[in-house]
C-alpha atoms as a PDB file:
ATOM      1  CA  MET A   1      27.874 -21.614  11.634  1.00  0.00           C
ATOM      2  CA  ALA A   2      27.893 -23.900   8.634  1.00  0.00           C
ATOM      3  CA  GLN A   3      27.141 -22.526   5.197  1.00  0.00           C
ATOM      4  CA  GLU A   4      24.905 -24.569   2.940  1.00  0.00           C
ATOM      5  CA  ASN A   5      23.865 -24.200  -0.669  1.00  0.00           C
ATOM      6  CA  LEU A   6      20.398 -22.635  -1.014  1.00  0.00           C
ATOM      7  CA  SER A   7      19.188 -25.498  -3.189  1.00  0.00           C
ATOM      8  CA  THR A   8      19.835 -28.050  -0.415  1.00  0.00           C
ATOM      9  CA  ILE A   9      17.753 -26.282   2.255  1.00  0.00           C
ATOM     10  CA  THR A  10      14.275 -27.777   2.458  1.00  0.00           C
ATOM     11  CA  GLU A  11      12.807 -26.262   5.619  1.00  0.00           C
ATOM     12  CA  LEU A  12      13.511 -23.905   8.485  1.00  0.00           C
ATOM     13  CA  VAL A  13      12.274 -23.753  12.051  1.00  0.00           C
ATOM     14  CA  LEU A  14       9.772 -20.913  12.466  1.00  0.00           C
ATOM     15  CA  VAL A  15       9.851 -20.098  16.169  1.00  0.00           C
ATOM     16  CA  GLY A  16       6.788 -17.832  16.313  1.00  0.00           C
ATOM     17  CA  PHE A  17       5.340 -17.910  19.829  1.00  0.00           C
ATOM     18  CA  SER A  18       6.645 -21.377  20.741  1.00  0.00           C
ATOM     19  CA  ASN A  19       8.632 -19.816  23.592  1.00  0.00           C
ATOM     20  CA  HIS A  20       5.248 -19.124  25.208  1.00  0.00           C
ATOM     21  CA  PRO A  21       3.286 -22.357  24.638  1.00  0.00           C
ATOM     22  CA  GLN A  22       0.591 -21.403  27.163  1.00  0.00           C
ATOM     23  CA  VAL A  23      -0.652 -18.574  24.909  1.00  0.00           C
ATOM     24  CA  GLU A  24      -0.557 -20.383  21.557  1.00  0.00           C
ATOM     25  CA  ILE A  25      -4.162 -21.663  21.656  1.00  0.00           C
ATOM     26  CA  PRO A  26      -5.649 -18.287  22.728  1.00  0.00           C
ATOM     27  CA  LEU A  27      -3.525 -16.557  20.072  1.00  0.00           C
ATOM     28  CA  PHE A  28      -4.773 -19.001  17.444  1.00  0.00           C
ATOM     29  CA  PHE A  29      -8.399 -18.003  18.084  1.00  0.00           C
ATOM     30  CA  LEU A  30      -7.507 -14.302  18.399  1.00  0.00           C
ATOM     31  CA  PHE A  31      -5.544 -14.143  15.136  1.00  0.00           C
ATOM     32  CA  SER A  32      -8.118 -16.305  13.351  1.00  0.00           C
ATOM     33  CA  GLY A  33     -10.759 -13.743  14.273  1.00  0.00           C
ATOM     34  CA  VAL A  34      -8.553 -10.848  13.183  1.00  0.00           C
ATOM     35  CA  TYR A  35      -7.802 -12.590   9.870  1.00  0.00           C
ATOM     36  CA  LEU A  36     -11.501 -13.199   9.198  1.00  0.00           C
ATOM     37  CA  VAL A  37     -12.272  -9.540   9.958  1.00  0.00           C
ATOM     38  CA  ASN A  38      -9.526  -8.586   7.528  1.00  0.00           C
ATOM     39  CA  LEU A  39     -10.856 -10.844   4.754  1.00  0.00           C
ATOM     40  CA  PHE A  40     -14.486  -9.864   5.257  1.00  0.00           C
ATOM     41  CA  GLY A  41     -13.869  -6.138   5.713  1.00  0.00           C
ATOM     42  CA  ASN A  42     -11.484  -5.627   2.808  1.00  0.00           C
ATOM     43  CA  THR A  43     -13.505  -7.863   0.479  1.00  0.00           C
ATOM     44  CA  ALA A  44     -16.631  -5.902   1.431  1.00  0.00           C
ATOM     45  CA  ILE A  45     -14.921  -2.613   0.537  1.00  0.00           C
ATOM     46  CA  ILE A  46     -13.822  -3.913  -2.874  1.00  0.00           C
ATOM     47  CA  THR A  47     -17.298  -5.334  -3.534  1.00  0.00           C
ATOM     48  CA  LEU A  48     -19.056  -2.096  -2.520  1.00  0.00           C
ATOM     49  CA  VAL A  49     -16.828   0.014  -4.762  1.00  0.00           C
ATOM     50  CA  VAL A  50     -17.402  -2.314  -7.713  1.00  0.00           C
ATOM     51  CA  ILE A  51     -21.216  -2.496  -7.444  1.00  0.00           C
ATOM     52  CA  ASP A  52     -22.060   1.000  -6.133  1.00  0.00           C
ATOM     53  CA  TYR A  53     -21.655   3.771  -8.718  1.00  0.00           C
ATOM     54  CA  CYS A  54     -21.380   6.512  -6.070  1.00  0.00           C
ATOM     55  CA  LEU A  55     -18.133   5.003  -4.764  1.00  0.00           C
ATOM     56  CA  GLN A  56     -16.466   4.775  -8.168  1.00  0.00           C
ATOM     57  CA  THR A  57     -14.207   7.773  -7.559  1.00  0.00           C
ATOM     58  CA  PRO A  58     -10.404   8.120  -7.420  1.00  0.00           C
ATOM     59  CA  MET A  59     -10.361   7.954  -3.616  1.00  0.00           C
ATOM     60  CA  TYR A  60     -12.142   4.590  -3.524  1.00  0.00           C
ATOM     61  CA  PHE A  61     -10.201   3.312  -6.517  1.00  0.00           C
ATOM     62  CA  PHE A  62      -7.026   3.605  -4.438  1.00  0.00           C
ATOM     63  CA  LEU A  63      -8.831   2.309  -1.361  1.00  0.00           C
ATOM     64  CA  CYS A  64      -9.553  -0.863  -3.351  1.00  0.00           C
ATOM     65  CA  HIS A  65      -5.837  -1.223  -4.057  1.00  0.00           C
ATOM     66  CA  LEU A  66      -5.154  -0.825  -0.342  1.00  0.00           C
ATOM     67  CA  ALA A  67      -7.790  -3.452   0.474  1.00  0.00           C
ATOM     68  CA  PHE A  68      -6.272  -5.877  -2.048  1.00  0.00           C
ATOM     69  CA  LEU A  69      -2.817  -5.297  -0.547  1.00  0.00           C
ATOM     70  CA  ASN A  70      -4.150  -6.039   2.921  1.00  0.00           C
ATOM     71  CA  ILE A  71      -5.761  -9.305   1.811  1.00  0.00           C
ATOM     72  CA  PHE A  72      -2.756 -10.503  -0.179  1.00  0.00           C
ATOM     73  CA  TYR A  73      -0.185  -9.559   2.471  1.00  0.00           C
ATOM     74  CA  THR A  74      -1.956 -11.239   5.369  1.00  0.00           C
ATOM     75  CA  THR A  75      -2.851 -14.316   3.318  1.00  0.00           C
ATOM     76  CA  ALA A  76       0.850 -14.847   2.641  1.00  0.00           C
ATOM     77  CA  VAL A  77       1.614 -14.650   6.359  1.00  0.00           C
ATOM     78  CA  VAL A  78      -1.300 -15.518   8.646  1.00  0.00           C
ATOM     79  CA  PRO A  79      -2.406 -19.035   7.517  1.00  0.00           C
ATOM     80  CA  LYS A  80       1.072 -20.473   8.093  1.00  0.00           C
ATOM     81  CA  MET A  81       1.325 -18.661  11.408  1.00  0.00           C
ATOM     82  CA  LEU A  82      -2.034 -20.099  12.507  1.00  0.00           C
ATOM     83  CA  PHE A  83      -1.012 -23.595  11.416  1.00  0.00           C
ATOM     84  CA  ASN A  84       2.215 -23.410  13.414  1.00  0.00           C
ATOM     85  CA  LEU A  85       0.379 -22.216  16.526  1.00  0.00           C
ATOM     86  CA  LEU A  86      -1.318 -25.640  16.615  1.00  0.00           C
ATOM     87  CA  ALA A  87       1.450 -27.781  15.133  1.00  0.00           C
ATOM     88  CA  SER A  88       3.973 -29.643  17.263  1.00  0.00           C
ATOM     89  CA  LYS A  89       6.631 -29.302  14.556  1.00  0.00           C
ATOM     90  CA  LYS A  90       6.897 -25.580  13.806  1.00  0.00           C
ATOM     91  CA  VAL A  91       8.639 -25.373  10.465  1.00  0.00           C
ATOM     92  CA  ILE A  92       8.334 -23.514   7.186  1.00  0.00           C
ATOM     93  CA  SER A  93       9.590 -24.656   3.791  1.00  0.00           C
ATOM     94  CA  TYR A  94      12.464 -22.668   2.331  1.00  0.00           C
ATOM     95  CA  GLU A  95      10.368 -21.816  -0.744  1.00  0.00           C
ATOM     96  CA  LEU A  96       7.492 -20.456   1.360  1.00  0.00           C
ATOM     97  CA  CYS A  97       9.957 -18.518   3.502  1.00  0.00           C
ATOM     98  CA  LEU A  98      11.386 -16.842   0.394  1.00  0.00           C
ATOM     99  CA  ALA A  99       7.866 -16.198  -0.924  1.00  0.00           C
ATOM    100  CA  GLN A 100       6.879 -14.513   2.353  1.00  0.00           C
ATOM    101  CA  THR A 101      10.022 -12.373   2.209  1.00  0.00           C
ATOM    102  CA  TYR A 102       9.394 -11.180  -1.346  1.00  0.00           C
ATOM    103  CA  ILE A 103       5.664 -10.664  -0.805  1.00  0.00           C
ATOM    104  CA  SER A 104       6.121  -8.749   2.448  1.00  0.00           C
ATOM    105  CA  LEU A 105       8.635  -6.463   0.730  1.00  0.00           C
ATOM    106  CA  LEU A 106       6.462  -5.885  -2.336  1.00  0.00           C
ATOM    107  CA  MET A 107       3.174  -5.419  -0.471  1.00  0.00           C
ATOM    108  CA  GLY A 108       4.770  -3.245   2.203  1.00  0.00           C
ATOM    109  CA  ALA A 109       6.400  -0.935  -0.334  1.00  0.00           C
ATOM    110  CA  ALA A 110       3.251  -0.766  -2.462  1.00  0.00           C
ATOM    111  CA  GLU A 111       1.113   0.098   0.562  1.00  0.00           C
ATOM    112  CA  CYS A 112       3.421   2.983   1.464  1.00  0.00           C
ATOM    113  CA  ILE A 113       3.190   4.424  -2.038  1.00  0.00           C
ATOM    114  CA  VAL A 114      -0.589   3.899  -2.266  1.00  0.00           C
ATOM    115  CA  LEU A 115      -1.039   5.711   1.066  1.00  0.00           C
ATOM    116  CA  ALA A 116       1.020   8.607  -0.328  1.00  0.00           C
ATOM    117  CA  ILE A 117      -1.127   8.694  -3.486  1.00  0.00           C
ATOM    118  CA  MET A 118      -4.262   8.740  -1.333  1.00  0.00           C
ATOM    119  CA  ALA A 119      -2.848  11.721   0.583  1.00  0.00           C
ATOM    120  CA  LEU A 120      -2.156  13.490  -2.717  1.00  0.00           C
ATOM    121  CA  ASP A 121      -5.712  12.678  -3.823  1.00  0.00           C
ATOM    122  CA  ARG A 122      -7.104  14.275  -0.633  1.00  0.00           C
ATOM    123  CA  TYR A 123      -4.892  17.321  -1.192  1.00  0.00           C
ATOM    124  CA  VAL A 124      -6.281  17.850  -4.696  1.00  0.00           C
ATOM    125  CA  ALA A 125      -9.877  17.214  -3.535  1.00  0.00           C
ATOM    126  CA  ILE A 126      -9.694  19.778  -0.717  1.00  0.00           C
ATOM    127  CA  CYS A 127      -7.389  22.417  -2.201  1.00  0.00           C
ATOM    128  CA  TYR A 128      -8.682  22.261  -5.807  1.00  0.00           C
ATOM    129  CA  PRO A 129     -12.274  20.961  -5.513  1.00  0.00           C
ATOM    130  CA  LEU A 130     -13.500  22.449  -8.787  1.00  0.00           C
ATOM    131  CA  ARG A 131     -10.635  20.927 -10.776  1.00  0.00           C
ATOM    132  CA  TYR A 132     -10.503  17.653  -8.829  1.00  0.00           C
ATOM    133  CA  LEU A 133     -12.063  15.346 -11.433  1.00  0.00           C
ATOM    134  CA  LEU A 134     -10.092  17.035 -14.193  1.00  0.00           C
ATOM    135  CA  ILE A 135      -6.762  16.534 -12.405  1.00  0.00           C
ATOM    136  CA  MET A 136      -7.499  13.108 -10.918  1.00  0.00           C
ATOM    137  CA  ASN A 137      -9.078  11.608 -14.028  1.00  0.00           C
ATOM    138  CA  TRP A 138      -9.147   7.856 -14.579  1.00  0.00           C
ATOM    139  CA  SER A 139      -6.108   7.906 -16.838  1.00  0.00           C
ATOM    140  CA  VAL A 140      -4.061   9.595 -14.122  1.00  0.00           C
ATOM    141  CA  CYS A 141      -5.383   7.172 -11.476  1.00  0.00           C
ATOM    142  CA  VAL A 142      -4.410   4.121 -13.538  1.00  0.00           C
ATOM    143  CA  GLN A 143      -0.951   5.587 -14.183  1.00  0.00           C
ATOM    144  CA  PHE A 144      -0.514   6.211 -10.449  1.00  0.00           C
ATOM    145  CA  ALA A 145      -1.582   2.640  -9.631  1.00  0.00           C
ATOM    146  CA  VAL A 146       0.704   1.049 -12.241  1.00  0.00           C
ATOM    147  CA  GLY A 147       3.549   3.296 -11.128  1.00  0.00           C
ATOM    148  CA  ALA A 148       3.050   2.309  -7.477  1.00  0.00           C
ATOM    149  CA  TRP A 149       3.295  -1.400  -8.273  1.00  0.00           C
ATOM    150  CA  ALA A 150       6.233  -0.969 -10.674  1.00  0.00           C
ATOM    151  CA  ILE A 151       8.269   1.203  -8.292  1.00  0.00           C
ATOM    152  CA  SER A 152       7.567  -1.172  -5.413  1.00  0.00           C
ATOM    153  CA  PHE A 153       8.729  -4.168  -7.433  1.00  0.00           C
ATOM    154  CA  PHE A 154      11.942  -2.614  -8.742  1.00  0.00           C
ATOM    155  CA  ALA A 155      12.826  -0.915  -5.447  1.00  0.00           C
ATOM    156  CA  SER A 156      12.281  -3.950  -3.203  1.00  0.00           C
ATOM    157  CA  VAL A 157      12.028  -7.338  -4.920  1.00  0.00           C
ATOM    158  CA  VAL A 158      14.686  -6.874  -7.608  1.00  0.00           C
ATOM    159  CA  PRO A 159      17.527  -5.741  -5.273  1.00  0.00           C
ATOM    160  CA  LEU A 160      16.831  -8.630  -2.885  1.00  0.00           C
ATOM    161  CA  TYR A 161      16.753 -11.161  -5.725  1.00  0.00           C
ATOM    162  CA  PHE A 162      20.227 -10.155  -6.946  1.00  0.00           C
ATOM    163  CA  THR A 163      21.865  -9.814  -3.513  1.00  0.00           C
ATOM    164  CA  ILE A 164      20.401 -12.684  -1.482  1.00  0.00           C
ATOM    165  CA  LEU A 165      23.075 -14.715   0.313  1.00  0.00           C
ATOM    166  CA  PRO A 166      23.389 -18.343   1.456  1.00  0.00           C
ATOM    167  CA  LEU A 167      21.919 -19.135   4.861  1.00  0.00           C
ATOM    168  CA  CYS A 168      23.889 -20.563   7.757  1.00  0.00           C
ATOM    169  CA  SER A 169      22.754 -23.318  10.069  1.00  0.00           C
ATOM    170  CA  PRO A 170      21.026 -23.697  12.448  1.00  0.00           C
ATOM    171  CA  TYR A 171      18.103 -22.718  10.240  1.00  0.00           C
ATOM    172  CA  ILE A 172      15.976 -21.060  12.916  1.00  0.00           C
ATOM    173  CA  VAL A 173      13.749 -18.079  12.063  1.00  0.00           C
ATOM    174  CA  ASP A 174      13.007 -16.424  15.416  1.00  0.00           C
ATOM    175  CA  HIS A 175      10.003 -14.531  14.114  1.00  0.00           C
ATOM    176  CA  ILE A 176       6.344 -14.999  13.183  1.00  0.00           C
ATOM    177  CA  PHE A 177       7.080 -15.025   9.435  1.00  0.00           C
ATOM    178  CA  CYS A 178      10.015 -14.533   7.080  1.00  0.00           C
ATOM    179  CA  GLU A 179      11.059 -10.993   6.207  1.00  0.00           C
ATOM    180  CA  VAL A 180      14.326  -9.280   5.326  1.00  0.00           C
ATOM    181  CA  PRO A 181      15.366  -7.870   8.750  1.00  0.00           C
ATOM    182  CA  VAL A 182      15.124 -11.387  10.199  1.00  0.00           C
ATOM    183  CA  LEU A 183      16.972 -13.128   7.336  1.00  0.00           C
ATOM    184  CA  LEU A 184      19.857 -10.648   7.654  1.00  0.00           C
ATOM    185  CA  HIS A 185      20.823 -12.464  10.847  1.00  0.00           C
ATOM    186  CA  MET A 186      20.908 -15.815   9.035  1.00  0.00           C
ATOM    187  CA  PHE A 187      23.125 -14.876   6.084  1.00  0.00           C
ATOM    188  CA  CYS A 188      26.616 -16.344   6.212  1.00  0.00           C
ATOM    189  CA  ALA A 189      28.585 -13.527   4.559  1.00  0.00           C
ATOM    190  CA  ASP A 190      28.901  -9.855   5.463  1.00  0.00           C
ATOM    191  CA  THR A 191      25.519  -8.158   5.141  1.00  0.00           C
ATOM    192  CA  SER A 192      26.674  -4.537   4.862  1.00  0.00           C
ATOM    193  CA  LEU A 193      25.513  -4.308   1.235  1.00  0.00           C
ATOM    194  CA  GLN A 194      22.105  -5.831   2.047  1.00  0.00           C
ATOM    195  CA  GLU A 195      21.632  -3.507   5.018  1.00  0.00           C
ATOM    196  CA  THR A 196      22.571  -0.485   2.890  1.00  0.00           C
ATOM    197  CA  LEU A 197      20.193  -1.527   0.116  1.00  0.00           C
ATOM    198  CA  MET A 198      17.414  -2.085   2.663  1.00  0.00           C
ATOM    199  CA  VAL A 199      17.860   1.426   4.064  1.00  0.00           C
ATOM    200  CA  ILE A 200      18.030   2.937   0.563  1.00  0.00           C
ATOM    201  CA  GLY A 201      14.937   1.003  -0.513  1.00  0.00           C
ATOM    202  CA  ALA A 202      13.108   1.987   2.666  1.00  0.00           C
ATOM    203  CA  SER A 203      14.062   5.628   2.064  1.00  0.00           C
ATOM    204  CA  GLY A 204      12.481   5.468  -1.383  1.00  0.00           C
ATOM    205  CA  THR A 205       9.376   3.505  -0.462  1.00  0.00           C
ATOM    206  CA  LEU A 206       8.900   4.574   3.166  1.00  0.00           C
ATOM    207  CA  LEU A 207      10.569   7.912   3.863  1.00  0.00           C
ATOM    208  CA  LEU A 208       9.845   9.747   0.595  1.00  0.00           C
ATOM    209  CA  PRO A 209       6.131   8.763   0.567  1.00  0.00           C
ATOM    210  CA  PHE A 210       5.940   9.769   4.246  1.00  0.00           C
ATOM    211  CA  LEU A 211       7.416  13.198   3.419  1.00  0.00           C
ATOM    212  CA  LEU A 212       4.912  13.552   0.565  1.00  0.00           C
ATOM    213  CA  ILE A 213       2.075  12.683   2.954  1.00  0.00           C
ATOM    214  CA  THR A 214       3.352  15.204   5.507  1.00  0.00           C
ATOM    215  CA  LEU A 215       3.634  17.937   2.875  1.00  0.00           C
ATOM    216  CA  SER A 216       0.168  17.130   1.496  1.00  0.00           C
ATOM    217  CA  TYR A 217      -1.442  17.380   4.911  1.00  0.00           C
ATOM    218  CA  LEU A 218       0.365  20.591   5.762  1.00  0.00           C
ATOM    219  CA  CYS A 219      -1.111  22.107   2.596  1.00  0.00           C
ATOM    220  CA  ILE A 220      -4.502  20.628   3.492  1.00  0.00           C
ATOM    221  CA  LEU A 221      -4.271  22.128   7.000  1.00  0.00           C
ATOM    222  CA  VAL A 222      -3.522  25.566   5.585  1.00  0.00           C
ATOM    223  CA  ALA A 223      -6.435  25.269   3.138  1.00  0.00           C
ATOM    224  CA  VAL A 224      -8.827  24.079   5.850  1.00  0.00           C
ATOM    225  CA  MET A 225      -7.861  26.932   8.194  1.00  0.00           C
ATOM    226  CA  ARG A 226      -8.765  29.378   5.428  1.00  0.00           C
ATOM    227  CA  MET A 227     -12.261  27.931   5.077  1.00  0.00           C
ATOM    228  CA  HIS A 228     -15.003  30.236   6.335  1.00  0.00           C
ATOM    229  CA  SER A 229     -17.489  27.432   6.862  1.00  0.00           C
ATOM    230  CA  ALA A 230     -17.197  25.473  10.116  1.00  0.00           C
ATOM    231  CA  GLU A 231     -19.113  22.635   8.463  1.00  0.00           C
ATOM    232  CA  GLY A 232     -16.597  22.579   5.613  1.00  0.00           C
ATOM    233  CA  ARG A 233     -13.674  22.380   8.038  1.00  0.00           C
ATOM    234  CA  LYS A 234     -15.385  19.591   9.969  1.00  0.00           C
ATOM    235  CA  LYS A 235     -16.012  17.603   6.780  1.00  0.00           C
ATOM    236  CA  ALA A 236     -12.417  18.052   5.589  1.00  0.00           C
ATOM    237  CA  PHE A 237     -10.973  16.884   8.913  1.00  0.00           C
ATOM    238  CA  SER A 238     -13.376  13.946   8.979  1.00  0.00           C
ATOM    239  CA  VAL A 239     -12.301  12.814   5.511  1.00  0.00           C
ATOM    240  CA  CYS A 240      -8.586  13.058   6.371  1.00  0.00           C
ATOM    241  CA  SER A 241      -8.627  11.672   9.922  1.00  0.00           C
ATOM    242  CA  SER A 242      -9.139   8.043   8.858  1.00  0.00           C
ATOM    243  CA  HIS A 243      -6.234   8.220   6.417  1.00  0.00           C
ATOM    244  CA  LEU A 244      -3.960   9.860   8.991  1.00  0.00           C
ATOM    245  CA  THR A 245      -4.779   7.116  11.509  1.00  0.00           C
ATOM    246  CA  VAL A 246      -3.744   4.381   9.051  1.00  0.00           C
ATOM    247  CA  VAL A 247      -0.595   6.294   8.036  1.00  0.00           C
ATOM    248  CA  THR A 248       0.504   6.801  11.653  1.00  0.00           C
ATOM    249  CA  ILE A 249       0.147   3.122  12.570  1.00  0.00           C
ATOM    250  CA  TYR A 250       1.673   1.714   9.404  1.00  0.00           C
ATOM    251  CA  TYR A 251       4.561   4.116   8.861  1.00  0.00           C
ATOM    252  CA  GLY A 252       5.548   4.168  12.528  1.00  0.00           C
ATOM    253  CA  THR A 253       5.983   0.391  12.718  1.00  0.00           C
ATOM    254  CA  GLY A 254       7.389   0.075   9.182  1.00  0.00           C
ATOM    255  CA  MET A 255      10.103   2.683   9.644  1.00  0.00           C
ATOM    256  CA  PHE A 256      11.155   1.167  12.953  1.00  0.00           C
ATOM    257  CA  THR A 257      11.541  -2.250  11.324  1.00  0.00           C
ATOM    258  CA  TYR A 258      13.223  -1.375   8.030  1.00  0.00           C
ATOM    259  CA  MET A 259      15.226   1.787   8.784  1.00  0.00           C
ATOM    260  CA  ARG A 260      17.400   0.716  11.721  1.00  0.00           C
ATOM    261  CA  PRO A 261      20.717  -1.162  11.949  1.00  0.00           C
ATOM    262  CA  LYS A 262      20.788  -4.920  12.443  1.00  0.00           C
ATOM    263  CA  SER A 263      22.345  -4.454  15.892  1.00  0.00           C
ATOM    264  CA  LEU A 264      19.084  -3.043  17.275  1.00  0.00           C
ATOM    265  CA  TYR A 265      17.110  -6.193  16.424  1.00  0.00           C
ATOM    266  CA  SER A 266      15.040  -7.636  19.279  1.00  0.00           C
ATOM    267  CA  ALA A 267      13.313 -10.957  18.555  1.00  0.00           C
ATOM    268  CA  GLU A 268      10.386 -10.698  20.980  1.00  0.00           C
ATOM    269  CA  GLY A 269       9.816  -6.974  20.472  1.00  0.00           C
ATOM    270  CA  ASP A 270       9.948  -7.254  16.685  1.00  0.00           C
ATOM    271  CA  LYS A 271       7.337 -10.017  16.702  1.00  0.00           C
ATOM    272  CA  LEU A 272       4.863  -7.625  18.321  1.00  0.00           C
ATOM    273  CA  ILE A 273       5.738  -4.819  15.916  1.00  0.00           C
ATOM    274  CA  SER A 274       5.329  -7.129  12.909  1.00  0.00           C
ATOM    275  CA  LEU A 275       1.929  -8.189  14.219  1.00  0.00           C
ATOM    276  CA  PHE A 276       0.779  -4.588  14.003  1.00  0.00           C
ATOM    277  CA  TYR A 277       1.691  -3.900  10.371  1.00  0.00           C
ATOM    278  CA  ALA A 278       1.203  -7.430   8.976  1.00  0.00           C
ATOM    279  CA  VAL A 279      -1.822  -8.748  10.894  1.00  0.00           C
ATOM    280  CA  ILE A 280      -3.678  -6.161  12.982  1.00  0.00           C
ATOM    281  CA  ASN A 281      -3.413  -3.037  10.813  1.00  0.00           C
ATOM    282  CA  PRO A 282      -4.855  -4.721   7.667  1.00  0.00           C
ATOM    283  CA  ALA A 283      -7.904  -5.745   9.719  1.00  0.00           C
ATOM    284  CA  LEU A 284      -8.283  -2.243  11.181  1.00  0.00           C
ATOM    285  CA  ASN A 285      -8.115  -0.466   7.810  1.00  0.00           C
ATOM    286  CA  PRO A 286     -11.645  -1.336   6.604  1.00  0.00           C
ATOM    287  CA  LEU A 287     -13.042  -0.465  10.042  1.00  0.00           C
ATOM    288  CA  ILE A 288     -11.207   2.870  10.131  1.00  0.00           C
ATOM    289  CA  TYR A 289     -12.244   3.802   6.596  1.00  0.00           C
ATOM    290  CA  SER A 290     -15.872   2.677   6.874  1.00  0.00           C
ATOM    291  CA  LEU A 291     -17.173   3.294  10.396  1.00  0.00           C
ATOM    292  CA  ARG A 292     -16.743   7.079  10.171  1.00  0.00           C
ATOM    293  CA  ASN A 293     -17.348   7.316   6.431  1.00  0.00           C
ATOM    294  CA  LYS A 294     -20.861   8.366   5.466  1.00  0.00           C
ATOM    295  CA  GLU A 295     -20.333   7.460   1.795  1.00  0.00           C
ATOM    296  CA  VAL A 296     -19.325   3.870   2.579  1.00  0.00           C
ATOM    297  CA  ASN A 297     -22.138   3.477   5.105  1.00  0.00           C
ATOM    298  CA  GLY A 298     -24.600   4.938   2.591  1.00  0.00           C
ATOM    299  CA  ALA A 299     -23.396   2.563  -0.119  1.00  0.00           C
ATOM    300  CA  LEU A 300     -23.760  -0.378   2.256  1.00  0.00           C
ATOM    301  CA  LYS A 301     -27.349   0.631   3.064  1.00  0.00           C
ATOM    302  CA  ARG A 302     -28.205   0.978  -0.639  1.00  0.00           C
ATOM    303  CA  VAL A 303     -26.755  -2.447  -1.421  1.00  0.00           C
ATOM    304  CA  LEU A 304     -28.617  -4.059   1.483  1.00  0.00           C
ATOM    305  CA  GLU A 305     -31.859  -2.367   0.394  1.00  0.00           C
ATOM    306  CA  ARG A 306     -31.417  -3.660  -3.162  1.00  0.00           C
ATOM    307  CA  LEU A 307     -30.769  -7.153  -1.834  1.00  0.00           C
ATOM    308  CA  SER A 308     -33.848  -6.918   0.371  1.00  0.00           C
ATOM    309  CA  VAL A 309     -36.009  -5.779  -2.555  1.00  0.00           C
ATOM    310  CA  SER A 310     -34.640  -8.546  -4.781  1.00  0.00           C
ATOM    311  CA  GLN A 311     -35.324 -11.105  -2.071  1.00  0.00           C
ATOM    312  CA  ARG A 312     -38.922  -9.934  -1.653  1.00  0.00           C
ATOM    313  CA  GLN A 313     -39.433 -10.028  -5.423  1.00  0.00           C
ATOM    314  CA  MET A 314     -38.047 -13.549  -5.580  1.00  0.00           C
ATOM    315  CA  ILE A 315     -40.368 -14.654  -2.781  1.00  0.00           C
ATOM    316  CA  THR A 316     -43.348 -13.059  -4.594  1.00  0.00           C
ATOM    317  CA  ILE A 317     -42.462 -14.846  -7.847  1.00  0.00           C
ATOM    318  CA  LEU A 318     -42.119 -18.196  -6.083  1.00  0.00           C
ATOM    319  CA  ARG A 319     -45.506 -17.751  -4.390  1.00  0.00           C
ATOM    320  CA  CYS A 320     -47.180 -16.893  -7.688  1.00  0.00           C
ATOM    321  CA  GLN A 321     -45.861 -20.109  -9.216  1.00  0.00           C
END
């Protein structure tokens, strides 16, 4: 394979689903729908938390960060994927490919840490309910949020920036978007250092948060089993079940992608796995967190009632004029 200077590469072939042209049109409509659900659902969660005072708690503060991550991540990936499903020339510019790689790393790492913080928040809420607002005050929440973004940036983006290698032709990305495990197969030089750094970074941003989540929920389980009230146990499990569902889907696919050797890469299989954590899971998150959540549903009803009242008042004013 021929090595070429990074500055001379203008575009790469983004294979996507071009090996199955008969499904590209149906997939375009399917993923367009999923993307719209993602945008609408996550934007709705952020909007509800901002305008409804009852949702302005630490739990929903971090849920807003998760919603923002979902929107930003998918917006970096899905529009180009949709465009290529319809385009005859399926390419991606080198700059956009690099942007997708950095963004997917940053957003993926940040989501892992935010999910761990949310688990810690649930642990404090259930195990120390009387001290919850004292422990998880707004200063602590902001420090957690800033720390999550800072750790994600320095553990993922910075190492890649200083160790990225020249690409070798042919410049074919056999994936649905650009991310590190795929680019490892396109680097010209030995990638042992990059693979090691990827595993180390994934250990810090995937494995350690996952262990924290596991420990938090073990403590929560012990606390719930000690509850005398069946209603209290039911409420605690209901609050935690949505978070556990998201964690299981996201961490399972993320660990498989970023914590395995390059030799186990499978182009077609990895496309499906990436779809789960980069496209489908972000759209499922608002549904998982809202459909079974009485607080979110209650906030939505209050907002709709206020809008209905405002609309009736506006109609009354217009009639009086």
